[in-house]
C-alpha atoms as a PDB file:
ATOM      1  CA  MET A   1      14.901  13.410   7.972  1.00  0.00           C
ATOM      2  CA  ALA A   2      12.708  11.251   9.322  1.00  0.00           C
ATOM      3  CA  THR A   3      12.713   7.725  11.050  1.00  0.00           C
ATOM      4  CA  ILE A   4       9.261   6.252  10.630  1.00  0.00           C
ATOM      5  CA  LEU A   5       7.434   3.222  11.940  1.00  0.00           C
ATOM      6  CA  ALA A   6       4.683   1.537   9.383  1.00  0.00           C
ATOM      7  CA  VAL A   7       2.345  -1.034  11.094  1.00  0.00           C
ATOM      8  CA  ASP A   8      -0.238  -2.741   8.753  1.00  0.00           C
ATOM      9  CA  ASP A   9      -1.189  -6.466   8.222  1.00  0.00           C
ATOM     10  CA  GLN A  10      -1.600  -5.698   4.342  1.00  0.00           C
ATOM     11  CA  LYS A  11       1.840  -6.540   3.067  1.00  0.00           C
ATOM     12  CA  MET A  12       1.204  -3.889   0.230  1.00  0.00           C
ATOM     13  CA  MET A  13      -0.180  -1.217   2.247  1.00  0.00           C
ATOM     14  CA  ARG A  14       2.985  -1.488   3.874  1.00  0.00           C
ATOM     15  CA  GLU A  15       5.205  -1.592   0.978  1.00  0.00           C
ATOM     16  CA  LEU A  16       3.177   1.029  -0.717  1.00  0.00           C
ATOM     17  CA  VAL A  17       4.224   3.011   2.306  1.00  0.00           C
ATOM     18  CA  LYS A  18       7.772   2.460   1.940  1.00  0.00           C
ATOM     19  CA  THR A  19       7.941   3.194  -0.876  1.00  0.00           C
ATOM     20  CA  VAL A  20       6.116   6.321  -1.258  1.00  0.00           C
ATOM     21  CA  LEU A  21       8.537   7.460   2.698  1.00  0.00           C
ATOM     22  CA  GLU A  22      11.172   6.024   1.359  1.00  0.00           C
ATOM     23  CA  GLY A  23      11.049   7.812  -2.229  1.00  0.00           C
ATOM     24  CA  ASP A  24      10.968  11.296  -0.261  1.00  0.00           C
ATOM     25  CA  GLY A  25      13.811  10.191   2.000  1.00  0.00           C
ATOM     26  CA  HIS A  26      13.213   9.100   5.349  1.00  0.00           C
ATOM     27  CA  THR A  27      13.535   5.770   6.576  1.00  0.00           C
ATOM     28  CA  VAL A  28      10.922   3.674   7.172  1.00  0.00           C
ATOM     29  CA  LEU A  29      10.654   0.519   9.570  1.00  0.00           C
ATOM     30  CA  LEU A  30       7.492  -2.127   8.771  1.00  0.00           C
ATOM     31  CA  ALA A  31       5.711  -3.830  11.320  1.00  0.00           C
ATOM     32  CA  GLU A  32       2.784  -6.197  10.359  1.00  0.00           C
ATOM     33  CA  ASP A  33       1.233  -6.285  13.390  1.00  0.00           C
ATOM     34  CA  GLY A  34       0.858  -4.847  17.179  1.00  0.00           C
ATOM     35  CA  MET A  35       3.096  -7.618  18.376  1.00  0.00           C
ATOM     36  CA  GLN A  36       5.754  -6.993  15.668  1.00  0.00           C
ATOM     37  CA  ALA A  37       5.737  -3.150  15.883  1.00  0.00           C
ATOM     38  CA  MET A  38       6.488  -3.661  19.800  1.00  0.00           C
ATOM     39  CA  ASP A  39       9.701  -5.685  18.475  1.00  0.00           C
ATOM     40  CA  VAL A  40      10.809  -2.732  16.174  1.00  0.00           C
ATOM     41  CA  ALA A  41       9.999  -0.036  18.732  1.00  0.00           C
ATOM     42  CA  ARG A  42      11.982  -1.376  21.465  1.00  0.00           C
ATOM     43  CA  ALA A  43      14.887  -2.242  18.950  1.00  0.00           C
ATOM     44  CA  GLN A  44      14.844   1.558  17.152  1.00  0.00           C
ATOM     45  CA  GLU A  45      12.796   4.420  18.462  1.00  0.00           C
ATOM     46  CA  ALA A  46      11.281   5.990  15.298  1.00  0.00           C
ATOM     47  CA  ASP A  47      10.398   9.907  15.111  1.00  0.00           C
ATOM     48  CA  LEU A  48       6.599   8.703  14.132  1.00  0.00           C
ATOM     49  CA  VAL A  49       3.908   6.009  13.779  1.00  0.00           C
ATOM     50  CA  LEU A  50       1.561   5.341  11.204  1.00  0.00           C
ATOM     51  CA  SER A  51      -0.463   2.523  12.354  1.00  0.00           C
ATOM     52  CA  ASP A  52      -3.341   0.172  11.011  1.00  0.00           C
ATOM     53  CA  ILE A  53      -6.388  -0.410  13.508  1.00  0.00           C
ATOM     54  CA  ASN A  54      -7.918  -3.455  12.647  1.00  0.00           C
ATOM     55  CA  MET A  55      -4.905  -6.168  13.128  1.00  0.00           C
ATOM     56  CA  PRO A  56      -4.155  -9.620  14.029  1.00  0.00           C
ATOM     57  CA  ASN A  57      -2.361 -10.327  17.763  1.00  0.00           C
ATOM     58  CA  MET A  58      -2.419  -6.528  18.778  1.00  0.00           C
ATOM     59  CA  ASN A  59      -4.601  -4.068  17.210  1.00  0.00           C
ATOM     60  CA  GLY A  60      -3.782  -0.830  16.978  1.00  0.00           C
ATOM     61  CA  ILE A  61      -4.908   1.045  19.758  1.00  0.00           C
ATOM     62  CA  SER A  62      -3.581  -2.040  22.148  1.00  0.00           C
ATOM     63  CA  LEU A  63      -0.139  -0.884  19.756  1.00  0.00           C
ATOM     64  CA  VAL A  64      -0.828   2.779  21.000  1.00  0.00           C
ATOM     65  CA  SER A  65      -1.383   2.237  24.950  1.00  0.00           C
ATOM     66  CA  LYS A  66       2.178  -0.201  25.027  1.00  0.00           C
ATOM     67  CA  LEU A  67       4.002   1.965  23.152  1.00  0.00           C
ATOM     68  CA  ARG A  68       2.846   5.507  25.444  1.00  0.00           C
ATOM     69  CA  ARG A  69       4.328   3.356  28.238  1.00  0.00           C
ATOM     70  CA  LEU A  70       7.825   3.491  27.278  1.00  0.00           C
ATOM     71  CA  ASP A  71       9.777   6.326  27.795  1.00  0.00           C
ATOM     72  CA  SER A  72      11.109   6.657  24.327  1.00  0.00           C
ATOM     73  CA  TYR A  73       7.818   6.452  22.610  1.00  0.00           C
ATOM     74  CA  ALA A  74       5.766   9.139  25.554  1.00  0.00           C
ATOM     75  CA  ASP A  75       5.839  12.073  23.107  1.00  0.00           C
ATOM     76  CA  THR A  76       5.846  10.311  19.665  1.00  0.00           C
ATOM     77  CA  PRO A  77       3.135  11.323  17.019  1.00  0.00           C
ATOM     78  CA  ILE A  78       1.205   8.474  16.423  1.00  0.00           C
ATOM     79  CA  VAL A  79      -1.083   8.216  13.167  1.00  0.00           C
ATOM     80  CA  MET A  80      -3.825   5.879  13.284  1.00  0.00           C
END
C-alpha cells in the first residue's frame, strides 16, 4: 500500500482522510499547514500528497513549489 501525506488546516478533514485511507491499508502522514508538511516530507517520503490550498503559514501552492524542489518529490503525484 501507499504512504500518503495529507495536509489540511482543519483537524476534522485530516482525521477523516486518515480514517478512510488507513481503512484501505495505506499509511497516512498528517500536517496542518505547508510548513509542517515540508518538515514531514523531509523526514519521510510519501507516494502521494493530498493538500488543501488555503492554509495558514504556507498555502498549498507554495507547498507544491517547495516540494518539487526536493529530489524525492520531483515526480510525486500531488492532488489539491
